[in-house]
Amino acid sequence: MSRPRFLADHDLKFEIVERTIRRQPAIDFARLWDFGLESQPDQEVLRFAARDRRIVVSHDVSTMTAAAKRTSAWPRGDVWVASHSSNRCGRPGS
Protein backbone atom coordinates (compact mmCIF):
# COMPACT_ATOMS: atom_id res chain seq x y z
CA MET A 1 0.00 0.00 0.00
CA SER A 2 1.40 3.40 -0.95
CA ARG A 3 1.59 6.30 1.44
CA PRO A 4 -0.72 9.26 0.92
CA ARG A 5 0.73 12.31 -0.79
CA PHE A 6 -0.56 15.73 0.20
CA LEU A 7 -0.78 19.09 -1.53
CA ALA A 8 -1.26 22.21 0.57
CA ASP A 9 -3.64 24.73 -0.99
CA HIS A 10 -2.44 28.35 -1.09
CA ASP A 11 -4.60 29.30 1.89
CA LEU A 12 -3.21 26.61 4.21
CA LYS A 13 -0.92 28.20 6.76
CA PHE A 14 2.73 27.45 6.00
CA GLU A 15 3.24 26.73 9.69
CA ILE A 16 0.92 23.71 9.44
CA VAL A 17 2.94 22.19 6.59
CA GLU A 18 6.25 23.04 8.24
CA ARG A 19 5.33 21.53 11.61
CA THR A 20 3.82 18.44 10.00
CA ILE A 21 7.02 17.78 8.06
CA ARG A 22 9.14 18.48 11.13
CA ARG A 23 7.17 15.90 13.16
CA GLN A 24 6.96 13.37 10.33
CA PRO A 25 9.94 13.92 7.99
CA ALA A 26 8.94 11.04 5.71
CA ILE A 27 5.57 12.60 4.84
CA ASP A 28 5.10 13.81 1.27
CA PHE A 29 3.47 17.21 1.83
CA ALA A 30 4.06 19.57 -1.09
CA ARG A 31 2.96 23.18 -1.51
CA LEU A 32 1.51 24.78 -4.64
CA TRP A 33 4.62 26.85 -5.25
CA ASP A 34 6.70 23.65 -5.33
CA PHE A 35 5.04 23.07 -8.71
CA GLY A 36 4.53 26.68 -9.84
CA LEU A 37 0.78 26.47 -9.18
CA GLU A 38 0.40 29.28 -6.64
CA SER A 39 -1.55 31.52 -9.03
CA GLN A 40 -3.72 28.79 -10.55
CA PRO A 41 -7.48 28.58 -9.90
CA ASP A 42 -8.85 25.87 -7.62
CA GLN A 43 -10.06 23.69 -10.49
CA GLU A 44 -6.56 23.57 -11.99
CA VAL A 45 -5.08 22.76 -8.59
CA LEU A 46 -7.53 19.86 -8.28
CA ARG A 47 -6.75 18.61 -11.79
CA PHE A 48 -3.01 18.67 -11.01
CA ALA A 49 -3.56 16.87 -7.70
CA ALA A 50 -5.63 14.17 -9.41
CA ARG A 51 -2.92 13.62 -12.04
CA ASP A 52 -0.19 13.57 -9.38
CA ARG A 53 -2.29 11.43 -7.00
CA ARG A 54 -2.23 13.95 -4.18
CA ILE A 55 -4.77 14.78 -1.51
CA VAL A 56 -5.49 18.50 -1.36
CA VAL A 57 -5.50 20.00 2.13
CA SER A 58 -7.26 23.35 2.37
CA HIS A 59 -9.01 25.76 4.71
CA ASP A 60 -10.96 27.15 1.75
CA VAL A 61 -14.36 25.67 2.53
CA SER A 62 -16.51 27.57 0.06
CA THR A 63 -14.54 27.87 -3.18
CA MET A 64 -12.49 24.65 -2.97
CA THR A 65 -15.61 22.62 -2.24
CA ALA A 66 -17.44 24.20 -5.18
CA ALA A 67 -14.45 23.63 -7.47
CA ALA A 68 -14.23 19.98 -6.42
CA LYS A 69 -17.88 19.46 -7.29
CA ARG A 70 -17.36 21.08 -10.73
CA THR A 71 -14.09 19.35 -11.66
CA SER A 72 -14.67 16.24 -13.75
CA ALA A 73 -10.94 15.40 -13.52
CA TRP A 74 -11.45 14.74 -9.82
CA PRO A 75 -13.02 11.27 -9.76
CA ARG A 76 -11.82 10.02 -6.37
CA GLY A 77 -12.86 12.97 -4.27
CA ASP A 78 -9.56 13.21 -2.42
CA VAL A 79 -9.97 16.76 -1.27
CA TRP A 80 -10.30 17.50 2.42
CA VAL A 81 -11.40 20.88 3.64
CA ALA A 82 -10.97 21.92 7.26
CA SER A 83 -12.82 24.82 8.79
CA HIS A 84 -11.76 26.12 12.17
CA SER A 85 -14.87 28.27 12.48
CA SER A 86 -17.30 25.38 12.15
CA ASN A 87 -15.05 22.56 13.39
CA ARG A 88 -15.87 20.63 10.24
CA CYS A 89 -13.52 18.46 8.24
CA GLY A 90 -14.52 16.22 5.41
CA ARG A 91 -14.99 15.60 1.76
CA PRO A 92 -17.07 18.05 -0.24
CA GLY A 93 -20.71 17.04 -0.24
CA SER A 94 -20.38 14.86 2.87
C-alpha atoms as a PDB file:
ATOM      1  CA  MET A   1       0.000   0.000   0.000  1.00  0.00           C
ATOM      2  CA  SER A   2       1.401   3.395  -0.951  1.00  0.00           C
ATOM      3  CA  ARG A   3       1.590   6.296   1.443  1.00  0.00           C
ATOM      4  CA  PRO A   4      -0.724   9.262   0.923  1.00  0.00           C
ATOM      5  CA  ARG A   5       0.727  12.305  -0.791  1.00  0.00           C
ATOM      6  CA  PHE A   6      -0.559  15.728   0.204  1.00  0.00           C
ATOM      7  CA  LEU A   7      -0.778  19.087  -1.533  1.00  0.00           C
ATOM      8  CA  ALA A   8      -1.264  22.214   0.566  1.00  0.00           C
ATOM      9  CA  ASP A   9      -3.635  24.728  -0.985  1.00  0.00           C
ATOM     10  CA  HIS A  10      -2.436  28.346  -1.091  1.00  0.00           C
ATOM     11  CA  ASP A  11      -4.598  29.303   1.891  1.00  0.00           C
ATOM     12  CA  LEU A  12      -3.212  26.610   4.208  1.00  0.00           C
ATOM     13  CA  LYS A  13      -0.924  28.200   6.757  1.00  0.00           C
ATOM     14  CA  PHE A  14       2.727  27.450   6.000  1.00  0.00           C
ATOM     15  CA  GLU A  15       3.236  26.729   9.688  1.00  0.00           C
ATOM     16  CA  ILE A  16       0.917  23.706   9.440  1.00  0.00           C
ATOM     17  CA  VAL A  17       2.936  22.193   6.594  1.00  0.00           C
ATOM     18  CA  GLU A  18       6.249  23.044   8.245  1.00  0.00           C
ATOM     19  CA  ARG A  19       5.327  21.530  11.612  1.00  0.00           C
ATOM     20  CA  THR A  20       3.818  18.437  10.002  1.00  0.00           C
ATOM     21  CA  ILE A  21       7.016  17.780   8.058  1.00  0.00           C
ATOM     22  CA  ARG A  22       9.144  18.481  11.135  1.00  0.00           C
ATOM     23  CA  ARG A  23       7.167  15.901  13.162  1.00  0.00           C
ATOM     24  CA  GLN A  24       6.958  13.373  10.326  1.00  0.00           C
ATOM     25  CA  PRO A  25       9.941  13.924   7.985  1.00  0.00           C
ATOM     26  CA  ALA A  26       8.937  11.043   5.709  1.00  0.00           C
ATOM     27  CA  ILE A  27       5.570  12.597   4.843  1.00  0.00           C
ATOM     28  CA  ASP A  28       5.103  13.809   1.266  1.00  0.00           C
ATOM     29  CA  PHE A  29       3.473  17.213   1.829  1.00  0.00           C
ATOM     30  CA  ALA A  30       4.064  19.573  -1.090  1.00  0.00           C
ATOM     31  CA  ARG A  31       2.964  23.180  -1.514  1.00  0.00           C
ATOM     32  CA  LEU A  32       1.507  24.782  -4.642  1.00  0.00           C
ATOM     33  CA  TRP A  33       4.624  26.852  -5.249  1.00  0.00           C
ATOM     34  CA  ASP A  34       6.701  23.648  -5.330  1.00  0.00           C
ATOM     35  CA  PHE A  35       5.035  23.068  -8.714  1.00  0.00           C
ATOM     36  CA  GLY A  36       4.530  26.678  -9.838  1.00  0.00           C
ATOM     37  CA  LEU A  37       0.781  26.472  -9.183  1.00  0.00           C
ATOM     38  CA  GLU A  38       0.404  29.283  -6.637  1.00  0.00           C
ATOM     39  CA  SER A  39      -1.551  31.521  -9.033  1.00  0.00           C
ATOM     40  CA  GLN A  40      -3.721  28.790 -10.554  1.00  0.00           C
ATOM     41  CA  PRO A  41      -7.479  28.582  -9.901  1.00  0.00           C
ATOM     42  CA  ASP A  42      -8.852  25.874  -7.618  1.00  0.00           C
ATOM     43  CA  GLN A  43     -10.058  23.693 -10.490  1.00  0.00           C
ATOM     44  CA  GLU A  44      -6.559  23.570 -11.993  1.00  0.00           C
ATOM     45  CA  VAL A  45      -5.079  22.755  -8.585  1.00  0.00           C
ATOM     46  CA  LEU A  46      -7.535  19.859  -8.278  1.00  0.00           C
ATOM     47  CA  ARG A  47      -6.746  18.608 -11.789  1.00  0.00           C
ATOM     48  CA  PHE A  48      -3.012  18.669 -11.006  1.00  0.00           C
ATOM     49  CA  ALA A  49      -3.562  16.873  -7.702  1.00  0.00           C
ATOM     50  CA  ALA A  50      -5.626  14.174  -9.407  1.00  0.00           C
ATOM     51  CA  ARG A  51      -2.923  13.622 -12.041  1.00  0.00           C
ATOM     52  CA  ASP A  52      -0.191  13.565  -9.382  1.00  0.00           C
ATOM     53  CA  ARG A  53      -2.292  11.432  -7.004  1.00  0.00           C
ATOM     54  CA  ARG A  54      -2.227  13.955  -4.183  1.00  0.00           C
ATOM     55  CA  ILE A  55      -4.772  14.784  -1.507  1.00  0.00           C
ATOM     56  CA  VAL A  56      -5.489  18.503  -1.365  1.00  0.00           C
ATOM     57  CA  VAL A  57      -5.498  20.003   2.127  1.00  0.00           C
ATOM     58  CA  SER A  58      -7.264  23.351   2.367  1.00  0.00           C
ATOM     59  CA  HIS A  59      -9.014  25.760   4.706  1.00  0.00           C
ATOM     60  CA  ASP A  60     -10.957  27.155   1.754  1.00  0.00           C
ATOM     61  CA  VAL A  61     -14.355  25.670   2.527  1.00  0.00           C
ATOM     62  CA  SER A  62     -16.505  27.571   0.058  1.00  0.00           C
ATOM     63  CA  THR A  63     -14.538  27.869  -3.179  1.00  0.00           C
ATOM     64  CA  MET A  64     -12.492  24.652  -2.968  1.00  0.00           C
ATOM     65  CA  THR A  65     -15.610  22.617  -2.240  1.00  0.00           C
ATOM     66  CA  ALA A  66     -17.440  24.201  -5.183  1.00  0.00           C
ATOM     67  CA  ALA A  67     -14.447  23.632  -7.474  1.00  0.00           C
ATOM     68  CA  ALA A  68     -14.229  19.980  -6.417  1.00  0.00           C
ATOM     69  CA  LYS A  69     -17.876  19.458  -7.294  1.00  0.00           C
ATOM     70  CA  ARG A  70     -17.361  21.081 -10.729  1.00  0.00           C
ATOM     71  CA  THR A  71     -14.094  19.353 -11.662  1.00  0.00           C
ATOM     72  CA  SER A  72     -14.669  16.244 -13.749  1.00  0.00           C
ATOM     73  CA  ALA A  73     -10.945  15.403 -13.525  1.00  0.00           C
ATOM     74  CA  TRP A  74     -11.451  14.742  -9.817  1.00  0.00           C
ATOM     75  CA  PRO A  75     -13.024  11.267  -9.759  1.00  0.00           C
ATOM     76  CA  ARG A  76     -11.818  10.018  -6.374  1.00  0.00           C
ATOM     77  CA  GLY A  77     -12.865  12.970  -4.265  1.00  0.00           C
ATOM     78  CA  ASP A  78      -9.558  13.207  -2.417  1.00  0.00           C
ATOM     79  CA  VAL A  79      -9.969  16.758  -1.267  1.00  0.00           C
ATOM     80  CA  TRP A  80     -10.304  17.501   2.421  1.00  0.00           C
ATOM     81  CA  VAL A  81     -11.405  20.882   3.644  1.00  0.00           C
ATOM     82  CA  ALA A  82     -10.965  21.918   7.256  1.00  0.00           C
ATOM     83  CA  SER A  83     -12.817  24.824   8.785  1.00  0.00           C
ATOM     84  CA  HIS A  84     -11.764  26.123  12.174  1.00  0.00           C
ATOM     85  CA  SER A  85     -14.874  28.274  12.481  1.00  0.00           C
ATOM     86  CA  SER A  86     -17.303  25.383  12.150  1.00  0.00           C
ATOM     87  CA  ASN A  87     -15.050  22.557  13.388  1.00  0.00           C
ATOM     88  CA  ARG A  88     -15.867  20.631  10.244  1.00  0.00           C
ATOM     89  CA  CYS A  89     -13.521  18.460   8.239  1.00  0.00           C
ATOM     90  CA  GLY A  90     -14.520  16.216   5.413  1.00  0.00           C
ATOM     91  CA  ARG A  91     -14.990  15.604   1.761  1.00  0.00           C
ATOM     92  CA  PRO A  92     -17.075  18.049  -0.245  1.00  0.00           C
ATOM     93  CA  GLY A  93     -20.712  17.044  -0.235  1.00  0.00           C
ATOM     94  CA  SER A  94     -20.378  14.859   2.875  1.00  0.00           C
END
